[in-house]
Amino acid sequence: MQSNCGVFVDPHTGETFSYREVETEHLRRRKAKQATNYVPLLPWPLFEIVAQLPGKAWIVFLVIWYADRLMWKSPFPLPSHLFETLGVSRQAKDRSLHVLERAELIEVDRGTGRSARIALGRKAKAAKRESS
């Protein structure tokens, strides 16, 4: 079993703790599944639009494009934890959603106290139909 070791310093007390992360069976299965995931291809005209977007909007769009192919219904939730390993913060995700919405690539249903629900927008749906 593989494990990572480290040291944690409590910011309040200054106490130092050592820890060891143990790779569980669940974590091993999750990593194996992630290793088989891939980012589906974008039609070139859609890629040209996405490539010109500011910040990390292109990363967020690729995750949405991928999720749209996996989901059975639309709109679907897009929790922030999906972006942790991609280096996209919750704030960057929110900014990117606004950019993508203005570009008509996605539609966002925002509700109080819940994750935003995302659907492909007019331009992305048209590109998806043309590529099928």
N, C-alpha and C. Protein backbone atom coordinates (compact mmCIF):
# COMPACT_ATOMS: atom_id res chain seq x y z
N MET A 1 0.83 -1.17 0.00
CA MET A 1 0.00 0.00 0.00
C MET A 1 0.88 1.24 0.00
N GLN A 2 0.60 2.16 -0.92
CA GLN A 2 1.40 3.38 -1.03
C GLN A 2 0.86 4.42 -0.04
N SER A 3 1.77 5.19 0.55
CA SER A 3 1.33 6.24 1.46
C SER A 3 2.24 7.44 1.33
N ASN A 4 1.67 8.62 1.61
CA ASN A 4 2.42 9.86 1.62
C ASN A 4 2.52 10.34 3.06
N CYS A 5 3.66 10.87 3.42
CA CYS A 5 3.86 11.39 4.77
C CYS A 5 4.05 12.89 4.70
N GLY A 6 3.75 13.55 5.79
CA GLY A 6 3.93 14.99 5.81
C GLY A 6 3.85 15.53 7.21
N VAL A 7 4.00 16.81 7.32
CA VAL A 7 3.94 17.49 8.60
C VAL A 7 2.91 18.60 8.48
N PHE A 8 2.05 18.72 9.48
CA PHE A 8 1.04 19.76 9.53
C PHE A 8 1.30 20.62 10.75
N VAL A 9 1.28 21.94 10.57
CA VAL A 9 1.45 22.87 11.68
C VAL A 9 0.11 23.54 11.93
N ASP A 10 -0.41 23.40 13.14
CA ASP A 10 -1.67 24.03 13.51
C ASP A 10 -1.45 25.54 13.52
N PRO A 11 -2.19 26.29 12.70
CA PRO A 11 -1.97 27.74 12.63
C PRO A 11 -2.37 28.47 13.90
N HIS A 12 -3.19 27.86 14.75
CA HIS A 12 -3.65 28.52 15.97
C HIS A 12 -2.71 28.30 17.15
N THR A 13 -2.23 27.07 17.25
CA THR A 13 -1.41 26.74 18.43
C THR A 13 0.08 26.64 18.09
N GLY A 14 0.41 26.45 16.82
CA GLY A 14 1.80 26.27 16.43
C GLY A 14 2.30 24.85 16.63
N GLU A 15 1.42 23.96 17.12
CA GLU A 15 1.82 22.56 17.32
C GLU A 15 2.09 21.90 15.98
N THR A 16 3.04 20.97 15.96
CA THR A 16 3.41 20.25 14.76
C THR A 16 2.91 18.82 14.87
N PHE A 17 2.28 18.35 13.81
CA PHE A 17 1.77 16.98 13.76
C PHE A 17 2.30 16.33 12.50
N SER A 18 2.69 15.08 12.63
CA SER A 18 3.07 14.34 11.42
C SER A 18 1.89 13.46 11.04
N TYR A 19 1.76 13.21 9.77
CA TYR A 19 0.65 12.38 9.31
C TYR A 19 1.12 11.48 8.17
N ARG A 20 0.31 10.47 7.91
CA ARG A 20 0.56 9.57 6.82
C ARG A 20 -0.76 9.32 6.11
N GLU A 21 -0.79 9.62 4.82
CA GLU A 21 -1.99 9.35 4.03
C GLU A 21 -1.90 7.91 3.53
N VAL A 22 -2.96 7.17 3.75
CA VAL A 22 -2.99 5.78 3.33
C VAL A 22 -3.90 5.66 2.12
N GLU A 23 -3.42 5.01 1.10
CA GLU A 23 -4.23 4.81 -0.10
C GLU A 23 -5.20 3.67 0.14
N THR A 24 -6.48 4.00 0.19
CA THR A 24 -7.51 2.99 0.43
C THR A 24 -7.94 2.34 -0.88
N GLU A 25 -8.72 1.30 -0.77
CA GLU A 25 -9.23 0.62 -1.96
C GLU A 25 -10.11 1.56 -2.78
N HIS A 26 -10.92 2.35 -2.10
CA HIS A 26 -11.78 3.32 -2.78
C HIS A 26 -10.95 4.31 -3.59
N LEU A 27 -9.89 4.83 -3.00
CA LEU A 27 -9.02 5.79 -3.68
C LEU A 27 -8.32 5.15 -4.87
N ARG A 28 -7.89 3.90 -4.72
CA ARG A 28 -7.25 3.19 -5.82
C ARG A 28 -8.22 3.01 -6.99
N ARG A 29 -9.48 2.64 -6.69
CA ARG A 29 -10.48 2.48 -7.76
C ARG A 29 -10.76 3.81 -8.45
N ARG A 30 -10.84 4.89 -7.66
CA ARG A 30 -11.12 6.21 -8.22
C ARG A 30 -9.99 6.66 -9.15
N LYS A 31 -8.73 6.44 -8.71
CA LYS A 31 -7.59 6.81 -9.54
C LYS A 31 -7.55 5.98 -10.82
N ALA A 32 -7.88 4.70 -10.73
CA ALA A 32 -7.89 3.82 -11.91
C ALA A 32 -8.96 4.29 -12.89
N LYS A 33 -10.12 4.69 -12.38
CA LYS A 33 -11.19 5.16 -13.25
C LYS A 33 -10.79 6.48 -13.90
N GLN A 34 -10.16 7.37 -13.15
CA GLN A 34 -9.74 8.66 -13.71
C GLN A 34 -8.69 8.46 -14.80
N ALA A 35 -7.89 7.43 -14.66
CA ALA A 35 -6.85 7.17 -15.66
C ALA A 35 -7.45 6.79 -17.01
N THR A 36 -8.68 6.29 -17.01
CA THR A 36 -9.33 5.90 -18.27
C THR A 36 -10.21 7.01 -18.82
N ASN A 37 -10.39 8.11 -18.09
CA ASN A 37 -11.18 9.23 -18.58
C ASN A 37 -10.40 10.00 -19.64
N TYR A 38 -11.11 10.64 -20.51
CA TYR A 38 -10.47 11.47 -21.53
C TYR A 38 -11.36 12.67 -21.81
N VAL A 39 -10.79 13.68 -22.39
CA VAL A 39 -11.55 14.86 -22.77
C VAL A 39 -12.01 14.64 -24.20
N PRO A 40 -13.34 14.65 -24.44
CA PRO A 40 -13.81 14.42 -25.80
C PRO A 40 -13.43 15.56 -26.74
N LEU A 41 -13.30 15.24 -28.00
CA LEU A 41 -12.92 16.23 -29.00
C LEU A 41 -13.98 17.30 -29.17
N LEU A 42 -13.52 18.50 -29.45
CA LEU A 42 -14.42 19.61 -29.78
C LEU A 42 -14.40 19.82 -31.29
N PRO A 43 -15.54 20.16 -31.87
CA PRO A 43 -15.52 20.56 -33.27
C PRO A 43 -14.63 21.80 -33.42
N TRP A 44 -13.89 21.90 -34.52
CA TRP A 44 -12.93 22.99 -34.70
C TRP A 44 -13.55 24.38 -34.54
N PRO A 45 -14.71 24.68 -35.15
CA PRO A 45 -15.29 26.02 -34.98
C PRO A 45 -15.56 26.36 -33.51
N LEU A 46 -15.98 25.37 -32.74
CA LEU A 46 -16.22 25.59 -31.31
C LEU A 46 -14.90 25.78 -30.58
N PHE A 47 -13.89 25.02 -30.95
CA PHE A 47 -12.57 25.16 -30.34
C PHE A 47 -12.01 26.56 -30.58
N GLU A 48 -12.22 27.12 -31.78
CA GLU A 48 -11.75 28.47 -32.08
C GLU A 48 -12.39 29.51 -31.16
N ILE A 49 -13.66 29.33 -30.83
CA ILE A 49 -14.34 30.25 -29.92
C ILE A 49 -13.79 30.10 -28.51
N VAL A 50 -13.70 28.86 -28.04
CA VAL A 50 -13.27 28.58 -26.66
C VAL A 50 -11.82 29.01 -26.44
N ALA A 51 -10.98 28.85 -27.45
CA ALA A 51 -9.55 29.19 -27.31
C ALA A 51 -9.33 30.67 -27.08
N GLN A 52 -10.27 31.51 -27.46
CA GLN A 52 -10.11 32.95 -27.31
C GLN A 52 -10.68 33.49 -26.00
N LEU A 53 -11.26 32.63 -25.19
CA LEU A 53 -11.86 33.09 -23.94
C LEU A 53 -10.79 33.40 -22.90
N PRO A 54 -11.06 34.36 -22.02
CA PRO A 54 -10.07 34.75 -21.01
C PRO A 54 -9.99 33.76 -19.85
N GLY A 55 -8.88 33.83 -19.13
CA GLY A 55 -8.70 33.06 -17.89
C GLY A 55 -8.80 31.56 -18.10
N LYS A 56 -9.48 30.92 -17.17
CA LYS A 56 -9.59 29.46 -17.19
C LYS A 56 -10.93 29.01 -17.76
N ALA A 57 -11.60 29.91 -18.50
CA ALA A 57 -12.91 29.58 -19.06
C ALA A 57 -12.83 28.37 -19.98
N TRP A 58 -11.71 28.22 -20.70
CA TRP A 58 -11.60 27.08 -21.62
C TRP A 58 -11.55 25.75 -20.86
N ILE A 59 -10.91 25.76 -19.69
CA ILE A 59 -10.86 24.53 -18.88
C ILE A 59 -12.26 24.19 -18.38
N VAL A 60 -12.95 25.21 -17.88
CA VAL A 60 -14.31 25.00 -17.36
C VAL A 60 -15.21 24.49 -18.49
N PHE A 61 -15.08 25.07 -19.69
CA PHE A 61 -15.91 24.61 -20.80
C PHE A 61 -15.62 23.16 -21.15
N LEU A 62 -14.36 22.77 -21.17
CA LEU A 62 -14.03 21.37 -21.49
C LEU A 62 -14.65 20.41 -20.48
N VAL A 63 -14.66 20.79 -19.21
CA VAL A 63 -15.29 19.95 -18.19
C VAL A 63 -16.80 19.88 -18.43
N ILE A 64 -17.41 21.01 -18.79
CA ILE A 64 -18.85 21.04 -19.09
C ILE A 64 -19.15 20.18 -20.32
N TRP A 65 -18.33 20.30 -21.36
CA TRP A 65 -18.50 19.51 -22.58
C TRP A 65 -18.43 18.02 -22.26
N TYR A 66 -17.45 17.66 -21.42
CA TYR A 66 -17.28 16.27 -20.99
C TYR A 66 -18.49 15.80 -20.17
N ALA A 67 -18.89 16.64 -19.21
CA ALA A 67 -20.02 16.27 -18.34
C ALA A 67 -21.31 16.14 -19.13
N ASP A 68 -21.50 17.00 -20.13
CA ASP A 68 -22.72 16.93 -20.95
C ASP A 68 -22.83 15.58 -21.65
N ARG A 69 -21.70 15.02 -22.05
CA ARG A 69 -21.72 13.72 -22.72
C ARG A 69 -22.01 12.59 -21.72
N LEU A 70 -21.74 12.80 -20.44
CA LEU A 70 -21.97 11.76 -19.43
C LEU A 70 -23.36 11.80 -18.83
N MET A 71 -23.98 12.98 -18.79
CA MET A 71 -25.25 13.16 -18.10
C MET A 71 -26.42 12.69 -18.96
N TRP A 72 -27.44 12.21 -18.26
CA TRP A 72 -28.64 11.75 -18.95
C TRP A 72 -29.62 12.89 -19.19
N LYS A 73 -29.50 13.93 -18.38
CA LYS A 73 -30.44 15.03 -18.54
C LYS A 73 -29.71 16.35 -18.40
N SER A 74 -30.35 17.38 -18.89
CA SER A 74 -29.77 18.72 -18.85
C SER A 74 -30.86 19.64 -18.33
N PRO A 75 -30.58 20.59 -17.50
CA PRO A 75 -29.28 21.00 -16.98
C PRO A 75 -28.78 20.05 -15.89
N PHE A 76 -27.49 20.12 -15.61
CA PHE A 76 -26.87 19.27 -14.61
C PHE A 76 -26.02 20.12 -13.67
N PRO A 77 -25.81 19.66 -12.43
CA PRO A 77 -24.98 20.42 -11.48
C PRO A 77 -23.50 20.32 -11.85
N LEU A 78 -22.75 21.31 -11.47
CA LEU A 78 -21.32 21.34 -11.76
C LEU A 78 -20.58 21.72 -10.47
N PRO A 79 -20.42 20.77 -9.55
CA PRO A 79 -19.78 21.09 -8.27
C PRO A 79 -18.32 21.51 -8.42
N SER A 80 -17.90 22.40 -7.54
CA SER A 80 -16.55 22.98 -7.61
C SER A 80 -15.45 21.95 -7.40
N HIS A 81 -15.73 20.87 -6.68
CA HIS A 81 -14.67 19.88 -6.40
C HIS A 81 -14.15 19.22 -7.68
N LEU A 82 -14.92 19.27 -8.76
CA LEU A 82 -14.45 18.70 -10.03
C LEU A 82 -13.22 19.43 -10.56
N PHE A 83 -13.03 20.67 -10.12
CA PHE A 83 -11.98 21.52 -10.66
C PHE A 83 -10.74 21.58 -9.79
N GLU A 84 -10.78 20.97 -8.60
CA GLU A 84 -9.65 21.06 -7.66
C GLU A 84 -8.35 20.56 -8.28
N THR A 85 -8.38 19.43 -8.95
CA THR A 85 -7.16 18.88 -9.52
C THR A 85 -6.72 19.62 -10.78
N LEU A 86 -7.56 20.49 -11.30
CA LEU A 86 -7.24 21.24 -12.51
C LEU A 86 -6.72 22.64 -12.20
N GLY A 87 -6.65 22.98 -10.92
CA GLY A 87 -6.13 24.29 -10.53
C GLY A 87 -7.11 25.42 -10.75
N VAL A 88 -8.40 25.11 -10.74
CA VAL A 88 -9.44 26.14 -10.93
C VAL A 88 -10.16 26.32 -9.60
N SER A 89 -10.06 27.51 -9.02
CA SER A 89 -10.72 27.80 -7.75
C SER A 89 -12.21 28.00 -7.96
N ARG A 90 -12.96 28.02 -6.89
CA ARG A 90 -14.40 28.27 -6.97
C ARG A 90 -14.68 29.62 -7.60
N GLN A 91 -13.87 30.61 -7.23
CA GLN A 91 -14.05 31.96 -7.77
C GLN A 91 -13.76 32.00 -9.28
N ALA A 92 -12.69 31.30 -9.70
CA ALA A 92 -12.36 31.25 -11.14
C ALA A 92 -13.45 30.51 -11.90
N LYS A 93 -14.00 29.47 -11.29
CA LYS A 93 -15.11 28.74 -11.92
C LYS A 93 -16.29 29.68 -12.12
N ASP A 94 -16.65 30.44 -11.10
CA ASP A 94 -17.78 31.36 -11.21
C ASP A 94 -17.55 32.43 -12.28
N ARG A 95 -16.34 32.99 -12.33
CA ARG A 95 -16.02 33.97 -13.37
C ARG A 95 -16.13 33.34 -14.76
N SER A 96 -15.63 32.12 -14.87
CA SER A 96 -15.66 31.42 -16.16
C SER A 96 -17.10 31.13 -16.60
N LEU A 97 -17.96 30.78 -15.65
CA LEU A 97 -19.36 30.52 -16.01
C LEU A 97 -20.00 31.78 -16.59
N HIS A 98 -19.69 32.94 -16.01
CA HIS A 98 -20.23 34.20 -16.54
C HIS A 98 -19.70 34.46 -17.96
N VAL A 99 -18.41 34.23 -18.17
CA VAL A 99 -17.81 34.43 -19.49
C VAL A 99 -18.46 33.49 -20.51
N LEU A 100 -18.60 32.23 -20.16
CA LEU A 100 -19.18 31.24 -21.07
C LEU A 100 -20.65 31.55 -21.36
N GLU A 101 -21.34 32.06 -20.35
CA GLU A 101 -22.75 32.42 -20.53
C GLU A 101 -22.87 33.61 -21.51
N ARG A 102 -22.02 34.61 -21.34
CA ARG A 102 -22.04 35.77 -22.25
C ARG A 102 -21.69 35.37 -23.68
N ALA A 103 -20.84 34.35 -23.82
CA ALA A 103 -20.46 33.87 -25.16
C ALA A 103 -21.51 32.93 -25.75
N GLU A 104 -22.60 32.69 -25.02
CA GLU A 104 -23.70 31.81 -25.44
C GLU A 104 -23.27 30.36 -25.65
N LEU A 105 -22.23 29.97 -24.91
CA LEU A 105 -21.78 28.58 -24.96
C LEU A 105 -22.49 27.71 -23.93
N ILE A 106 -22.97 28.34 -22.86
CA ILE A 106 -23.71 27.62 -21.82
C ILE A 106 -24.89 28.45 -21.37
N GLU A 107 -25.81 27.77 -20.70
CA GLU A 107 -26.92 28.41 -20.00
C GLU A 107 -26.79 27.99 -18.55
N VAL A 108 -26.95 28.95 -17.64
CA VAL A 108 -26.76 28.68 -16.22
C VAL A 108 -28.05 28.96 -15.46
N ASP A 109 -28.48 27.99 -14.66
CA ASP A 109 -29.63 28.16 -13.77
C ASP A 109 -29.06 28.26 -12.36
N ARG A 110 -29.07 29.47 -11.81
CA ARG A 110 -28.52 29.69 -10.47
C ARG A 110 -29.63 29.70 -9.45
N GLY A 111 -29.45 28.94 -8.39
CA GLY A 111 -30.41 28.92 -7.29
C GLY A 111 -29.71 29.20 -5.99
N THR A 112 -30.43 29.75 -5.05
CA THR A 112 -29.85 30.05 -3.75
C THR A 112 -29.57 28.76 -2.99
N GLY A 113 -28.36 28.66 -2.48
CA GLY A 113 -28.00 27.53 -1.62
C GLY A 113 -27.74 26.22 -2.35
N ARG A 114 -27.58 26.27 -3.65
CA ARG A 114 -27.27 25.02 -4.36
C ARG A 114 -26.29 25.32 -5.49
N SER A 115 -25.69 24.26 -5.97
CA SER A 115 -24.74 24.40 -7.08
C SER A 115 -25.49 24.84 -8.33
N ALA A 116 -24.85 25.67 -9.13
CA ALA A 116 -25.46 26.11 -10.39
C ALA A 116 -25.71 24.90 -11.27
N ARG A 117 -26.79 24.96 -12.05
CA ARG A 117 -27.11 23.88 -12.99
C ARG A 117 -26.80 24.39 -14.39
N ILE A 118 -26.07 23.59 -15.15
CA ILE A 118 -25.51 24.01 -16.42
C ILE A 118 -26.13 23.22 -17.57
N ALA A 119 -26.36 23.90 -18.67
CA ALA A 119 -26.75 23.26 -19.92
C ALA A 119 -25.94 23.90 -21.04
N LEU A 120 -25.71 23.16 -22.10
CA LEU A 120 -25.01 23.74 -23.24
C LEU A 120 -25.86 24.86 -23.82
N GLY A 121 -25.20 25.92 -24.25
CA GLY A 121 -25.89 27.06 -24.84
C GLY A 121 -26.11 26.88 -26.33
N ARG A 122 -26.70 27.91 -26.94
CA ARG A 122 -27.09 27.87 -28.34
C ARG A 122 -25.92 27.52 -29.26
N LYS A 123 -24.78 28.18 -29.09
CA LYS A 123 -23.62 27.96 -29.99
C LYS A 123 -23.04 26.55 -29.81
N ALA A 124 -22.94 26.10 -28.58
CA ALA A 124 -22.37 24.77 -28.32
C ALA A 124 -23.31 23.67 -28.82
N LYS A 125 -24.62 23.86 -28.66
CA LYS A 125 -25.57 22.86 -29.16
C LYS A 125 -25.49 22.76 -30.68
N ALA A 126 -25.38 23.90 -31.34
CA ALA A 126 -25.29 23.90 -32.81
C ALA A 126 -24.02 23.18 -33.26
N ALA A 127 -22.91 23.43 -32.60
CA ALA A 127 -21.65 22.77 -32.96
C ALA A 127 -21.74 21.26 -32.70
N LYS A 128 -22.40 20.89 -31.62
CA LYS A 128 -22.56 19.46 -31.28
C LYS A 128 -23.40 18.75 -32.35
N ARG A 129 -24.48 19.41 -32.79
CA ARG A 129 -25.32 18.81 -33.84
C ARG A 129 -24.56 18.65 -35.15
N GLU A 130 -23.77 19.67 -35.51
CA GLU A 130 -23.03 19.62 -36.77
C GLU A 130 -21.95 18.54 -36.76
N SER A 131 -21.42 18.23 -35.57
CA SER A 131 -20.33 17.25 -35.51
C SER A 131 -20.84 15.82 -35.41
N SER A 132 -22.12 15.65 -35.12
CA SER A 132 -22.67 14.30 -34.96
C SER A 132 -22.98 13.63 -36.27
